[in-house]
Amino acid sequence: MSRLIVIAGLPGVGKTSVASELAVRLNGVHLSVDAVEESILGSGLPHGWHVGVAAYEATRAMAELNLQLGHDVVVDAVSDSEAARQTWRDAASATDAVLRFVHLVVSDLEEHRRRLFGRDRGFTHVAEPSWQDVQLRRAEYAPWTDDRLEIDAVAMPAGAIADDVVARVGRIVPLDASETVSRVAGPARPEVDRAALAIERKTAHDSSTLDDLRGERM
C-alpha cells in the first residue's frame, strides 16, 4: 500500500527540510504547497484565497496521481485546521493509501524565531510570515483529532528526524500507544461534501493572510 505522510507544523519548524529528507529515504515523492503556490503566483495570477485554494487542490491532485501509481508521497504543509487535514484524508481515502501525520514543533521559542528569520526558501511571490503571524497561528492551531507523531525538532537535524519518522511510520500498521509520541484517537468521519468543504476553507482563509492558507490545508 502507498503511504501519504503529511509533515505538519507552524512555519519555521523545518517541515520542508524534513519532508525532502524523508522522501529520499522512502524513494518517494515530495510535494510542497508553498512551491505550488509560488508557481501559480509566478504565472501572473493575483494574490488571494483563490490562488491558495488552487495550490492546495493541485497538491492534492498530484498526491493522488502518485499514490495511485504506488509511490509514497510526502507533503509538507502547516495543516493547522480540520479543513486542511481533511484534504489529506480525502487523498488517502480516494487512493486506498495509508495516511500518517507528523507534527513538528520547536519547543524553544527563541530557537524557533531564529530559524524563521534565518531561512531563505528562494521564493519571489510567497512572502515569509512574521513572528507575530506565527504566534497568532500558534494560538489558533486546531486541536488534533488524528493519530500523529509529534516530534520536537529543537535539537534534531532534518536527517535525524527523517530517520526517526521512517522507523516509526515506515510500517503500515496503527501507531503503538506505547510509543513516546502524542496520540489522539480520531472520531468517525462522515462523508464530506467537497463543495461545502471548499467554502469552509475559503472562509477560514479570509480570516488569515494568504500565506496562512497553507496552515489551513496542510
N, C-alpha and C. Protein backbone atom coordinates (compact mmCIF):
# COMPACT_ATOMS: atom_id res chain seq x y z
N MET A 1 0.84 -1.20 0.00
CA MET A 1 0.00 0.00 0.00
C MET A 1 0.87 1.24 0.00
N SER A 2 0.47 2.24 -0.77
CA SER A 2 1.17 3.51 -0.78
C SER A 2 0.91 4.25 0.53
N ARG A 3 1.85 5.12 0.87
CA ARG A 3 1.72 5.90 2.10
C ARG A 3 1.72 7.38 1.78
N LEU A 4 0.80 8.10 2.40
CA LEU A 4 0.77 9.55 2.33
C LEU A 4 1.18 10.07 3.70
N ILE A 5 2.33 10.70 3.76
CA ILE A 5 2.87 11.20 5.02
C ILE A 5 2.86 12.72 4.96
N VAL A 6 2.13 13.34 5.88
CA VAL A 6 1.98 14.78 5.91
C VAL A 6 2.84 15.34 7.04
N ILE A 7 3.82 16.16 6.68
CA ILE A 7 4.66 16.82 7.67
C ILE A 7 4.01 18.16 7.99
N ALA A 8 3.44 18.27 9.17
CA ALA A 8 2.68 19.45 9.57
C ALA A 8 3.44 20.25 10.63
N GLY A 9 2.97 21.47 10.87
CA GLY A 9 3.58 22.30 11.89
C GLY A 9 3.65 23.74 11.46
N LEU A 10 3.94 24.61 12.40
CA LEU A 10 4.00 26.04 12.13
C LEU A 10 5.13 26.39 11.16
N PRO A 11 5.05 27.54 10.51
CA PRO A 11 6.17 27.97 9.67
C PRO A 11 7.46 28.05 10.48
N GLY A 12 8.55 27.62 9.88
CA GLY A 12 9.85 27.74 10.52
C GLY A 12 10.29 26.57 11.37
N VAL A 13 9.49 25.49 11.44
CA VAL A 13 9.89 24.35 12.27
C VAL A 13 10.71 23.33 11.50
N GLY A 14 10.84 23.52 10.18
CA GLY A 14 11.67 22.62 9.39
C GLY A 14 10.92 21.59 8.57
N LYS A 15 9.67 21.86 8.25
CA LYS A 15 8.85 20.88 7.54
C LYS A 15 9.42 20.48 6.19
N THR A 16 9.82 21.49 5.40
CA THR A 16 10.29 21.21 4.05
C THR A 16 11.58 20.40 4.07
N SER A 17 12.49 20.76 4.95
CA SER A 17 13.76 20.03 5.05
C SER A 17 13.53 18.58 5.45
N VAL A 18 12.65 18.37 6.42
CA VAL A 18 12.36 17.01 6.87
C VAL A 18 11.65 16.22 5.77
N ALA A 19 10.68 16.86 5.11
CA ALA A 19 9.94 16.18 4.04
C ALA A 19 10.87 15.76 2.92
N SER A 20 11.81 16.62 2.56
CA SER A 20 12.76 16.31 1.50
C SER A 20 13.63 15.11 1.88
N GLU A 21 14.15 15.12 3.10
CA GLU A 21 14.98 14.01 3.58
C GLU A 21 14.18 12.72 3.65
N LEU A 22 12.95 12.83 4.09
CA LEU A 22 12.10 11.65 4.23
C LEU A 22 11.77 11.04 2.87
N ALA A 23 11.47 11.90 1.88
CA ALA A 23 11.16 11.40 0.55
C ALA A 23 12.34 10.64 -0.04
N VAL A 24 13.55 11.12 0.20
CA VAL A 24 14.75 10.42 -0.29
C VAL A 24 14.85 9.05 0.36
N ARG A 25 14.62 8.97 1.65
CA ARG A 25 14.75 7.69 2.36
C ARG A 25 13.69 6.69 1.92
N LEU A 26 12.51 7.19 1.57
CA LEU A 26 11.42 6.31 1.15
C LEU A 26 11.39 6.10 -0.37
N ASN A 27 12.31 6.77 -1.07
CA ASN A 27 12.29 6.76 -2.54
C ASN A 27 10.91 7.18 -3.02
N GLY A 28 10.40 8.23 -2.37
CA GLY A 28 9.05 8.68 -2.67
C GLY A 28 9.03 10.05 -3.32
N VAL A 29 7.86 10.67 -3.33
CA VAL A 29 7.62 11.95 -3.97
C VAL A 29 7.41 13.01 -2.90
N HIS A 30 8.10 14.13 -3.02
CA HIS A 30 7.94 15.25 -2.09
C HIS A 30 7.12 16.34 -2.76
N LEU A 31 6.03 16.74 -2.13
CA LEU A 31 5.18 17.82 -2.63
C LEU A 31 5.07 18.92 -1.57
N SER A 32 5.20 20.15 -2.00
CA SER A 32 5.09 21.30 -1.10
C SER A 32 4.05 22.27 -1.63
N VAL A 33 3.05 22.57 -0.83
CA VAL A 33 2.01 23.50 -1.24
C VAL A 33 2.60 24.88 -1.50
N ASP A 34 3.58 25.27 -0.70
CA ASP A 34 4.19 26.60 -0.90
C ASP A 34 4.81 26.71 -2.29
N ALA A 35 5.49 25.68 -2.72
CA ALA A 35 6.12 25.70 -4.04
C ALA A 35 5.08 25.78 -5.16
N VAL A 36 3.97 25.08 -4.97
CA VAL A 36 2.90 25.14 -5.97
C VAL A 36 2.29 26.53 -6.01
N GLU A 37 2.07 27.10 -4.83
CA GLU A 37 1.51 28.45 -4.77
C GLU A 37 2.46 29.46 -5.41
N GLU A 38 3.75 29.31 -5.18
CA GLU A 38 4.74 30.19 -5.78
C GLU A 38 4.66 30.14 -7.31
N SER A 39 4.50 28.94 -7.85
CA SER A 39 4.40 28.79 -9.31
C SER A 39 3.14 29.44 -9.86
N ILE A 40 2.03 29.28 -9.15
CA ILE A 40 0.78 29.87 -9.62
C ILE A 40 0.87 31.39 -9.61
N LEU A 41 1.41 31.94 -8.52
CA LEU A 41 1.56 33.39 -8.44
C LEU A 41 2.54 33.89 -9.51
N GLY A 42 3.56 33.08 -9.78
CA GLY A 42 4.54 33.46 -10.78
C GLY A 42 3.97 33.51 -12.19
N SER A 43 2.84 32.86 -12.40
CA SER A 43 2.21 32.88 -13.72
C SER A 43 1.43 34.16 -13.96
N GLY A 44 1.33 34.99 -12.92
CA GLY A 44 0.67 36.28 -13.09
C GLY A 44 -0.66 36.41 -12.39
N LEU A 45 -1.15 35.35 -11.76
CA LEU A 45 -2.42 35.45 -11.05
C LEU A 45 -2.22 36.29 -9.79
N PRO A 46 -3.25 37.04 -9.39
CA PRO A 46 -3.12 37.92 -8.22
C PRO A 46 -3.19 37.13 -6.91
N HIS A 47 -2.60 37.71 -5.88
CA HIS A 47 -2.70 37.12 -4.55
C HIS A 47 -4.17 37.07 -4.13
N GLY A 48 -4.52 36.07 -3.38
CA GLY A 48 -5.88 35.94 -2.89
C GLY A 48 -6.19 34.50 -2.55
N TRP A 49 -7.34 34.29 -1.92
CA TRP A 49 -7.65 32.95 -1.47
C TRP A 49 -7.89 31.99 -2.63
N HIS A 50 -8.25 32.52 -3.81
CA HIS A 50 -8.42 31.65 -4.97
C HIS A 50 -7.11 30.90 -5.27
N VAL A 51 -6.01 31.63 -5.23
CA VAL A 51 -4.71 31.01 -5.51
C VAL A 51 -4.36 30.00 -4.43
N GLY A 52 -4.65 30.35 -3.19
CA GLY A 52 -4.37 29.41 -2.10
C GLY A 52 -5.14 28.11 -2.24
N VAL A 53 -6.43 28.24 -2.55
CA VAL A 53 -7.26 27.04 -2.74
C VAL A 53 -6.75 26.23 -3.92
N ALA A 54 -6.41 26.92 -5.00
CA ALA A 54 -5.90 26.23 -6.20
C ALA A 54 -4.62 25.47 -5.88
N ALA A 55 -3.74 26.08 -5.09
CA ALA A 55 -2.47 25.43 -4.74
C ALA A 55 -2.72 24.17 -3.93
N TYR A 56 -3.63 24.22 -2.99
CA TYR A 56 -3.92 23.04 -2.19
C TYR A 56 -4.56 21.93 -3.01
N GLU A 57 -5.52 22.33 -3.87
CA GLU A 57 -6.18 21.31 -4.68
C GLU A 57 -5.22 20.69 -5.69
N ALA A 58 -4.32 21.50 -6.23
CA ALA A 58 -3.32 20.97 -7.17
C ALA A 58 -2.40 19.99 -6.47
N THR A 59 -2.00 20.32 -5.25
CA THR A 59 -1.13 19.42 -4.48
C THR A 59 -1.84 18.11 -4.16
N ARG A 60 -3.11 18.22 -3.80
CA ARG A 60 -3.89 17.01 -3.52
C ARG A 60 -3.99 16.13 -4.76
N ALA A 61 -4.27 16.77 -5.90
CA ALA A 61 -4.40 16.01 -7.15
C ALA A 61 -3.10 15.30 -7.50
N MET A 62 -1.97 15.99 -7.36
CA MET A 62 -0.68 15.38 -7.65
C MET A 62 -0.37 14.24 -6.69
N ALA A 63 -0.77 14.44 -5.43
CA ALA A 63 -0.56 13.37 -4.45
C ALA A 63 -1.35 12.12 -4.84
N GLU A 64 -2.61 12.32 -5.25
CA GLU A 64 -3.44 11.18 -5.61
C GLU A 64 -2.89 10.45 -6.83
N LEU A 65 -2.42 11.20 -7.83
CA LEU A 65 -1.86 10.56 -9.03
C LEU A 65 -0.67 9.68 -8.68
N ASN A 66 0.19 10.18 -7.82
CA ASN A 66 1.38 9.42 -7.44
C ASN A 66 1.05 8.25 -6.52
N LEU A 67 0.09 8.43 -5.65
CA LEU A 67 -0.32 7.33 -4.78
C LEU A 67 -0.94 6.20 -5.60
N GLN A 68 -1.71 6.56 -6.62
CA GLN A 68 -2.32 5.55 -7.48
C GLN A 68 -1.28 4.74 -8.25
N LEU A 69 -0.12 5.35 -8.48
CA LEU A 69 0.97 4.65 -9.16
C LEU A 69 1.79 3.79 -8.21
N GLY A 70 1.44 3.84 -6.94
CA GLY A 70 2.15 3.03 -5.96
C GLY A 70 3.29 3.73 -5.28
N HIS A 71 3.44 5.04 -5.50
CA HIS A 71 4.52 5.79 -4.87
C HIS A 71 4.12 6.26 -3.48
N ASP A 72 5.09 6.30 -2.57
CA ASP A 72 4.87 7.00 -1.31
C ASP A 72 4.96 8.49 -1.58
N VAL A 73 4.12 9.27 -0.90
CA VAL A 73 4.10 10.72 -1.09
C VAL A 73 4.29 11.40 0.25
N VAL A 74 5.19 12.38 0.28
CA VAL A 74 5.44 13.17 1.48
C VAL A 74 5.05 14.61 1.18
N VAL A 75 4.10 15.14 1.93
CA VAL A 75 3.63 16.51 1.74
C VAL A 75 4.07 17.35 2.94
N ASP A 76 4.56 18.56 2.67
CA ASP A 76 4.81 19.47 3.80
C ASP A 76 3.84 20.62 3.72
N ALA A 77 3.15 20.85 4.84
CA ALA A 77 2.10 21.86 4.92
C ALA A 77 1.78 22.12 6.38
N VAL A 78 1.37 23.33 6.71
CA VAL A 78 1.10 23.70 8.10
C VAL A 78 -0.02 22.85 8.68
N SER A 79 -1.09 22.68 7.95
CA SER A 79 -2.20 21.81 8.37
C SER A 79 -2.73 22.15 9.76
N ASP A 80 -3.08 23.41 9.96
CA ASP A 80 -3.49 23.82 11.31
C ASP A 80 -4.99 23.88 11.50
N SER A 81 -5.78 23.35 10.55
CA SER A 81 -7.23 23.33 10.72
C SER A 81 -7.78 21.98 10.29
N GLU A 82 -9.00 21.70 10.71
CA GLU A 82 -9.65 20.46 10.31
C GLU A 82 -9.88 20.44 8.80
N ALA A 83 -10.22 21.59 8.21
CA ALA A 83 -10.43 21.64 6.76
C ALA A 83 -9.16 21.27 6.02
N ALA A 84 -8.02 21.76 6.52
CA ALA A 84 -6.74 21.45 5.88
C ALA A 84 -6.45 19.96 5.97
N ARG A 85 -6.63 19.39 7.14
CA ARG A 85 -6.33 17.98 7.34
C ARG A 85 -7.27 17.08 6.55
N GLN A 86 -8.50 17.56 6.33
CA GLN A 86 -9.45 16.77 5.55
C GLN A 86 -8.97 16.61 4.12
N THR A 87 -8.22 17.58 3.61
CA THR A 87 -7.66 17.47 2.26
C THR A 87 -6.86 16.19 2.11
N TRP A 88 -6.02 15.90 3.09
CA TRP A 88 -5.15 14.73 3.02
C TRP A 88 -5.91 13.45 3.35
N ARG A 89 -6.91 13.55 4.19
CA ARG A 89 -7.77 12.37 4.43
C ARG A 89 -8.47 11.98 3.13
N ASP A 90 -8.96 13.00 2.40
CA ASP A 90 -9.64 12.73 1.14
C ASP A 90 -8.70 12.05 0.15
N ALA A 91 -7.46 12.55 0.06
CA ALA A 91 -6.49 11.98 -0.88
C ALA A 91 -6.19 10.53 -0.54
N ALA A 92 -6.03 10.25 0.73
CA ALA A 92 -5.73 8.88 1.15
C ALA A 92 -6.93 7.96 0.91
N SER A 93 -8.12 8.47 1.21
CA SER A 93 -9.33 7.67 1.01
C SER A 93 -9.56 7.36 -0.47
N ALA A 94 -9.30 8.33 -1.34
CA ALA A 94 -9.53 8.14 -2.76
C ALA A 94 -8.57 7.14 -3.40
N THR A 95 -7.44 6.91 -2.76
CA THR A 95 -6.41 6.05 -3.34
C THR A 95 -6.10 4.82 -2.50
N ASP A 96 -6.88 4.62 -1.42
CA ASP A 96 -6.65 3.50 -0.51
C ASP A 96 -5.22 3.51 0.04
N ALA A 97 -4.71 4.71 0.28
CA ALA A 97 -3.36 4.85 0.83
C ALA A 97 -3.41 4.93 2.34
N VAL A 98 -2.28 4.62 2.96
CA VAL A 98 -2.14 4.77 4.41
C VAL A 98 -1.75 6.22 4.69
N LEU A 99 -2.48 6.87 5.59
CA LEU A 99 -2.22 8.27 5.93
C LEU A 99 -1.52 8.36 7.27
N ARG A 100 -0.44 9.13 7.31
CA ARG A 100 0.27 9.39 8.55
C ARG A 100 0.52 10.90 8.67
N PHE A 101 0.19 11.46 9.82
CA PHE A 101 0.52 12.85 10.12
C PHE A 101 1.73 12.89 11.04
N VAL A 102 2.66 13.77 10.72
CA VAL A 102 3.81 14.02 11.59
C VAL A 102 3.78 15.50 11.93
N HIS A 103 3.65 15.80 13.21
CA HIS A 103 3.55 17.19 13.66
C HIS A 103 4.88 17.63 14.26
N LEU A 104 5.54 18.56 13.59
CA LEU A 104 6.82 19.07 14.09
C LEU A 104 6.59 20.31 14.95
N VAL A 105 7.31 20.39 16.05
CA VAL A 105 7.29 21.58 16.90
C VAL A 105 8.73 21.94 17.24
N VAL A 106 8.92 23.20 17.63
CA VAL A 106 10.20 23.64 18.17
C VAL A 106 9.88 24.24 19.53
N SER A 107 10.21 23.52 20.58
CA SER A 107 9.79 23.89 21.93
C SER A 107 10.47 25.16 22.45
N ASP A 108 11.67 25.46 21.95
CA ASP A 108 12.40 26.66 22.34
C ASP A 108 11.96 27.80 21.42
N LEU A 109 11.20 28.75 21.96
CA LEU A 109 10.65 29.82 21.12
C LEU A 109 11.72 30.70 20.51
N GLU A 110 12.79 30.94 21.23
CA GLU A 110 13.86 31.76 20.66
C GLU A 110 14.53 31.05 19.48
N GLU A 111 14.70 29.74 19.60
CA GLU A 111 15.27 28.97 18.51
C GLU A 111 14.31 28.97 17.31
N HIS A 112 13.04 28.84 17.58
CA HIS A 112 12.04 28.87 16.51
C HIS A 112 12.09 30.21 15.79
N ARG A 113 12.16 31.27 16.56
CA ARG A 113 12.21 32.60 15.97
C ARG A 113 13.47 32.78 15.12
N ARG A 114 14.59 32.28 15.61
CA ARG A 114 15.85 32.38 14.87
C ARG A 114 15.75 31.65 13.54
N ARG A 115 15.16 30.45 13.56
CA ARG A 115 15.03 29.68 12.33
C ARG A 115 14.13 30.39 11.33
N LEU A 116 13.06 30.98 11.82
CA LEU A 116 12.12 31.67 10.92
C LEU A 116 12.80 32.83 10.21
N PHE A 117 13.55 33.61 10.95
CA PHE A 117 14.19 34.78 10.37
C PHE A 117 15.44 34.42 9.56
N GLY A 118 15.99 33.26 9.82
CA GLY A 118 17.23 32.91 9.14
C GLY A 118 17.05 32.12 7.86
N ARG A 119 15.82 31.77 7.52
CA ARG A 119 15.63 30.91 6.35
C ARG A 119 15.44 31.72 5.06
N ASP A 120 15.86 31.13 3.97
CA ASP A 120 15.67 31.72 2.65
C ASP A 120 15.26 30.59 1.72
N ARG A 121 13.98 30.53 1.39
CA ARG A 121 13.47 29.44 0.57
C ARG A 121 13.51 29.76 -0.91
N GLY A 122 13.99 30.94 -1.25
CA GLY A 122 14.13 31.30 -2.65
C GLY A 122 12.84 31.69 -3.34
N PHE A 123 11.78 31.96 -2.56
CA PHE A 123 10.51 32.35 -3.16
C PHE A 123 10.51 33.84 -3.49
N THR A 124 9.86 34.16 -4.59
CA THR A 124 9.72 35.55 -5.00
C THR A 124 8.34 36.10 -4.69
N HIS A 125 7.33 35.24 -4.78
CA HIS A 125 5.94 35.69 -4.67
C HIS A 125 5.28 35.29 -3.35
N VAL A 126 5.69 34.21 -2.75
CA VAL A 126 5.14 33.79 -1.46
C VAL A 126 5.97 34.44 -0.36
N ALA A 127 5.38 35.36 0.36
CA ALA A 127 6.09 36.09 1.40
C ALA A 127 6.28 35.24 2.65
N GLU A 128 7.36 35.51 3.37
CA GLU A 128 7.59 34.82 4.63
C GLU A 128 6.75 35.46 5.73
N PRO A 129 6.14 34.66 6.60
CA PRO A 129 5.34 35.23 7.68
C PRO A 129 6.23 35.88 8.73
N SER A 130 5.70 36.86 9.43
CA SER A 130 6.41 37.48 10.54
C SER A 130 6.29 36.60 11.78
N TRP A 131 7.10 36.89 12.78
CA TRP A 131 6.99 36.16 14.04
C TRP A 131 5.62 36.39 14.67
N GLN A 132 5.08 37.58 14.52
CA GLN A 132 3.75 37.86 15.04
C GLN A 132 2.71 36.98 14.35
N ASP A 133 2.85 36.80 13.03
CA ASP A 133 1.94 35.91 12.30
C ASP A 133 2.01 34.49 12.85
N VAL A 134 3.23 34.03 13.09
CA VAL A 134 3.41 32.66 13.59
C VAL A 134 2.80 32.50 14.98
N GLN A 135 2.99 33.51 15.82
CA GLN A 135 2.41 33.43 17.17
C GLN A 135 0.89 33.40 17.12
N LEU A 136 0.31 34.15 16.21
CA LEU A 136 -1.15 34.14 16.06
C LEU A 136 -1.62 32.76 15.61
N ARG A 137 -0.91 32.18 14.68
CA ARG A 137 -1.30 30.85 14.19
C ARG A 137 -1.12 29.80 15.27
N ARG A 138 -0.11 29.99 16.11
CA ARG A 138 0.08 29.06 17.23
C ARG A 138 -1.13 29.06 18.14
N ALA A 139 -1.64 30.27 18.43
CA ALA A 139 -2.79 30.40 19.32
C ALA A 139 -4.05 29.80 18.70
N GLU A 140 -4.13 29.81 17.37
CA GLU A 140 -5.34 29.35 16.68
C GLU A 140 -5.20 27.93 16.12
N TYR A 141 -4.09 27.28 16.37
CA TYR A 141 -3.86 25.94 15.81
C TYR A 141 -4.91 24.97 16.34
N ALA A 142 -5.63 24.34 15.44
CA ALA A 142 -6.74 23.47 15.84
C ALA A 142 -6.23 22.22 16.54
N PRO A 143 -6.93 21.77 17.59
CA PRO A 143 -6.55 20.51 18.26
C PRO A 143 -6.59 19.36 17.26
N TRP A 144 -5.71 18.41 17.47
CA TRP A 144 -5.65 17.25 16.56
C TRP A 144 -6.75 16.25 16.90
N THR A 145 -7.36 15.69 15.86
CA THR A 145 -8.32 14.60 16.02
C THR A 145 -7.82 13.35 15.30
N ASP A 146 -6.59 13.40 14.82
CA ASP A 146 -5.98 12.26 14.11
C ASP A 146 -4.81 11.73 14.92
N ASP A 147 -4.54 10.43 14.77
CA ASP A 147 -3.28 9.90 15.27
C ASP A 147 -2.15 10.64 14.56
N ARG A 148 -1.10 10.97 15.29
CA ARG A 148 0.04 11.62 14.66
C ARG A 148 1.28 11.42 15.52
N LEU A 149 2.41 11.51 14.87
CA LEU A 149 3.69 11.55 15.57
C LEU A 149 4.00 13.02 15.85
N GLU A 150 4.35 13.33 17.07
CA GLU A 150 4.72 14.69 17.41
C GLU A 150 6.18 14.70 17.80
N ILE A 151 6.97 15.46 17.07
CA ILE A 151 8.42 15.45 17.25
C ILE A 151 8.92 16.85 17.52
N ASP A 152 9.69 17.00 18.59
CA ASP A 152 10.32 18.27 18.91
C ASP A 152 11.61 18.39 18.11
N ALA A 153 11.64 19.33 17.17
CA ALA A 153 12.78 19.47 16.27
C ALA A 153 13.83 20.44 16.80
N VAL A 154 13.74 20.80 18.07
CA VAL A 154 14.62 21.84 18.59
C VAL A 154 16.09 21.45 18.52
N ALA A 155 16.41 20.19 18.74
CA ALA A 155 17.82 19.79 18.78
C ALA A 155 18.14 18.66 17.81
N MET A 156 17.26 18.46 16.82
CA MET A 156 17.45 17.36 15.88
C MET A 156 17.58 17.89 14.46
N PRO A 157 18.63 17.52 13.73
CA PRO A 157 18.73 17.92 12.32
C PRO A 157 17.67 17.19 11.51
N ALA A 158 17.39 17.72 10.32
CA ALA A 158 16.33 17.17 9.47
C ALA A 158 16.56 15.70 9.17
N GLY A 159 17.81 15.31 8.91
CA GLY A 159 18.10 13.91 8.58
C GLY A 159 17.78 12.97 9.72
N ALA A 160 18.09 13.39 10.94
CA ALA A 160 17.80 12.55 12.11
C ALA A 160 16.30 12.41 12.33
N ILE A 161 15.58 13.50 12.09
CA ILE A 161 14.12 13.43 12.23
C ILE A 161 13.55 12.49 11.17
N ALA A 162 14.05 12.59 9.95
CA ALA A 162 13.58 11.70 8.88
C ALA A 162 13.84 10.25 9.24
N ASP A 163 15.01 9.95 9.80
CA ASP A 163 15.30 8.58 10.21
C ASP A 163 14.32 8.11 11.28
N ASP A 164 14.00 9.01 12.21
CA ASP A 164 13.06 8.68 13.27
C ASP A 164 11.67 8.40 12.70
N VAL A 165 11.26 9.23 11.73
CA VAL A 165 9.94 9.04 11.13
C VAL A 165 9.88 7.72 10.37
N VAL A 166 10.94 7.41 9.62
CA VAL A 166 10.98 6.14 8.89
C VAL A 166 10.83 4.97 9.86
N ALA A 167 11.51 5.04 10.99
CA ALA A 167 11.44 3.95 11.96
C ALA A 167 10.05 3.81 12.55
N ARG A 168 9.32 4.92 12.67
CA ARG A 168 8.03 4.88 13.35
C ARG A 168 6.84 4.68 12.41
N VAL A 169 6.88 5.30 11.23
CA VAL A 169 5.73 5.21 10.33
C VAL A 169 6.04 4.44 9.07
N GLY A 170 7.24 3.88 8.98
CA GLY A 170 7.59 3.11 7.80
C GLY A 170 6.74 1.86 7.67
N ARG A 171 6.25 1.36 8.78
CA ARG A 171 5.36 0.20 8.74
C ARG A 171 3.93 0.66 8.52
N ILE A 172 3.11 -0.14 7.94
CA ILE A 172 1.73 0.24 7.67
C ILE A 172 0.80 -0.45 8.65
N VAL A 173 1.02 -0.16 9.92
CA VAL A 173 0.17 -0.67 10.99
C VAL A 173 -0.19 0.50 11.87
N PRO A 174 -1.25 0.39 12.70
CA PRO A 174 -1.61 1.50 13.57
C PRO A 174 -0.47 1.84 14.52
N LEU A 175 -0.39 3.13 14.89
CA LEU A 175 0.63 3.54 15.83
C LEU A 175 0.44 2.82 17.15
N ASP A 176 1.54 2.48 17.79
CA ASP A 176 1.53 1.81 19.07
C ASP A 176 1.39 2.86 20.16
N ALA A 177 0.37 2.72 21.01
CA ALA A 177 0.13 3.70 22.06
C ALA A 177 1.29 3.78 23.04
N SER A 178 2.15 2.76 23.07
CA SER A 178 3.28 2.77 24.00
C SER A 178 4.43 3.63 23.50
N GLU A 179 4.39 4.04 22.22
CA GLU A 179 5.46 4.85 21.68
C GLU A 179 5.43 6.23 22.31
N THR A 180 6.58 6.87 22.41
CA THR A 180 6.68 8.18 23.03
C THR A 180 6.33 9.27 22.03
N VAL A 181 5.10 9.24 21.57
CA VAL A 181 4.58 10.25 20.65
C VAL A 181 3.19 10.61 21.11
N SER A 182 2.76 11.82 20.72
CA SER A 182 1.39 12.21 21.03
C SER A 182 0.44 11.37 20.20
N ARG A 183 -0.65 10.92 20.79
CA ARG A 183 -1.59 10.08 20.07
C ARG A 183 -3.00 10.47 20.47
N VAL A 184 -3.81 10.81 19.52
CA VAL A 184 -5.19 11.19 19.77
C VAL A 184 -6.09 10.36 18.88
N ALA A 185 -7.06 9.72 19.44
CA ALA A 185 -7.98 8.91 18.64
C ALA A 185 -8.94 9.83 17.90
N GLY A 186 -9.03 9.66 16.62
CA GLY A 186 -9.92 10.49 15.82
C GLY A 186 -11.32 9.93 15.80
N PRO A 187 -12.33 10.79 15.73
CA PRO A 187 -13.72 10.33 15.66
C PRO A 187 -14.05 9.79 14.29
N ALA A 188 -15.15 9.07 14.20
CA ALA A 188 -15.60 8.59 12.90
C ALA A 188 -15.91 9.81 12.04
N ARG A 189 -15.54 9.76 10.77
CA ARG A 189 -15.70 10.91 9.89
C ARG A 189 -16.78 10.64 8.86
N PRO A 190 -17.83 11.46 8.79
CA PRO A 190 -18.88 11.26 7.79
C PRO A 190 -18.37 11.63 6.40
N GLU A 191 -19.13 11.25 5.40
CA GLU A 191 -18.80 11.61 4.03
C GLU A 191 -18.75 13.13 3.90
N VAL A 192 -17.76 13.64 3.21
CA VAL A 192 -17.56 15.07 3.13
C VAL A 192 -18.11 15.62 1.82
N ASP A 193 -18.86 16.71 1.91
CA ASP A 193 -19.32 17.44 0.74
C ASP A 193 -18.17 18.34 0.30
N ARG A 194 -17.54 18.02 -0.83
CA ARG A 194 -16.34 18.75 -1.24
C ARG A 194 -16.64 20.22 -1.50
N ALA A 195 -17.82 20.54 -2.06
CA ALA A 195 -18.16 21.94 -2.31
C ALA A 195 -18.27 22.70 -1.00
N ALA A 196 -18.94 22.08 -0.03
CA ALA A 196 -19.08 22.74 1.27
C ALA A 196 -17.74 22.89 1.95
N LEU A 197 -16.89 21.89 1.78
CA LEU A 197 -15.56 21.94 2.37
C LEU A 197 -14.75 23.07 1.76
N ALA A 198 -14.87 23.26 0.46
CA ALA A 198 -14.14 24.33 -0.21
C ALA A 198 -14.57 25.69 0.33
N ILE A 199 -15.87 25.85 0.57
CA ILE A 199 -16.38 27.10 1.13
C ILE A 199 -15.81 27.32 2.51
N GLU A 200 -15.76 26.23 3.31
CA GLU A 200 -15.21 26.34 4.66
C GLU A 200 -13.75 26.78 4.61
N ARG A 201 -13.00 26.18 3.68
CA ARG A 201 -11.58 26.53 3.57
C ARG A 201 -11.42 27.99 3.17
N LYS A 202 -12.24 28.44 2.22
CA LYS A 202 -12.13 29.81 1.75
C LYS A 202 -12.50 30.79 2.85
N THR A 203 -13.56 30.47 3.61
CA THR A 203 -13.98 31.33 4.70
C THR A 203 -12.90 31.43 5.76
N ALA A 204 -12.31 30.28 6.07
CA ALA A 204 -11.23 30.28 7.06
C ALA A 204 -10.06 31.10 6.58
N HIS A 205 -9.79 31.02 5.29
CA HIS A 205 -8.64 31.76 4.75
C HIS A 205 -8.86 33.26 4.81
N ASP A 206 -10.11 33.70 4.67
CA ASP A 206 -10.37 35.13 4.67
C ASP A 206 -10.03 35.77 6.00
N SER A 207 -9.93 34.96 7.06
CA SER A 207 -9.60 35.50 8.38
C SER A 207 -8.11 35.46 8.65
N SER A 208 -7.32 35.05 7.69
CA SER A 208 -5.87 34.99 7.86
C SER A 208 -5.19 35.58 6.65
N THR A 209 -3.87 35.58 6.64
CA THR A 209 -3.12 36.03 5.48
C THR A 209 -3.12 34.95 4.42
N LEU A 210 -2.73 35.30 3.18
CA LEU A 210 -2.67 34.30 2.11
C LEU A 210 -1.69 33.19 2.47
N ASP A 211 -0.57 33.58 3.03
CA ASP A 211 0.42 32.56 3.38
C ASP A 211 -0.13 31.60 4.42
N ASP A 212 -1.04 32.09 5.26
CA ASP A 212 -1.59 31.24 6.31
C ASP A 212 -2.51 30.18 5.77
N LEU A 213 -2.95 30.29 4.52
CA LEU A 213 -3.83 29.26 3.96
C LEU A 213 -3.13 27.92 3.96
N ARG A 214 -1.79 27.93 3.84
CA ARG A 214 -1.07 26.66 3.89
C ARG A 214 -1.37 25.92 5.17
N GLY A 215 -1.53 26.69 6.28
CA GLY A 215 -1.79 26.04 7.55
C GLY A 215 -3.17 25.44 7.62
N GLU A 216 -4.15 26.05 6.93
CA GLU A 216 -5.49 25.53 6.94
C GLU A 216 -5.56 24.19 6.20
N ARG A 217 -4.80 24.10 5.10
CA ARG A 217 -4.92 22.96 4.25
C ARG A 217 -3.80 21.97 4.42
N MET A 218 -2.80 22.33 5.06
CA MET A 218 -1.66 21.47 5.23
C MET A 218 -1.45 21.25 6.68
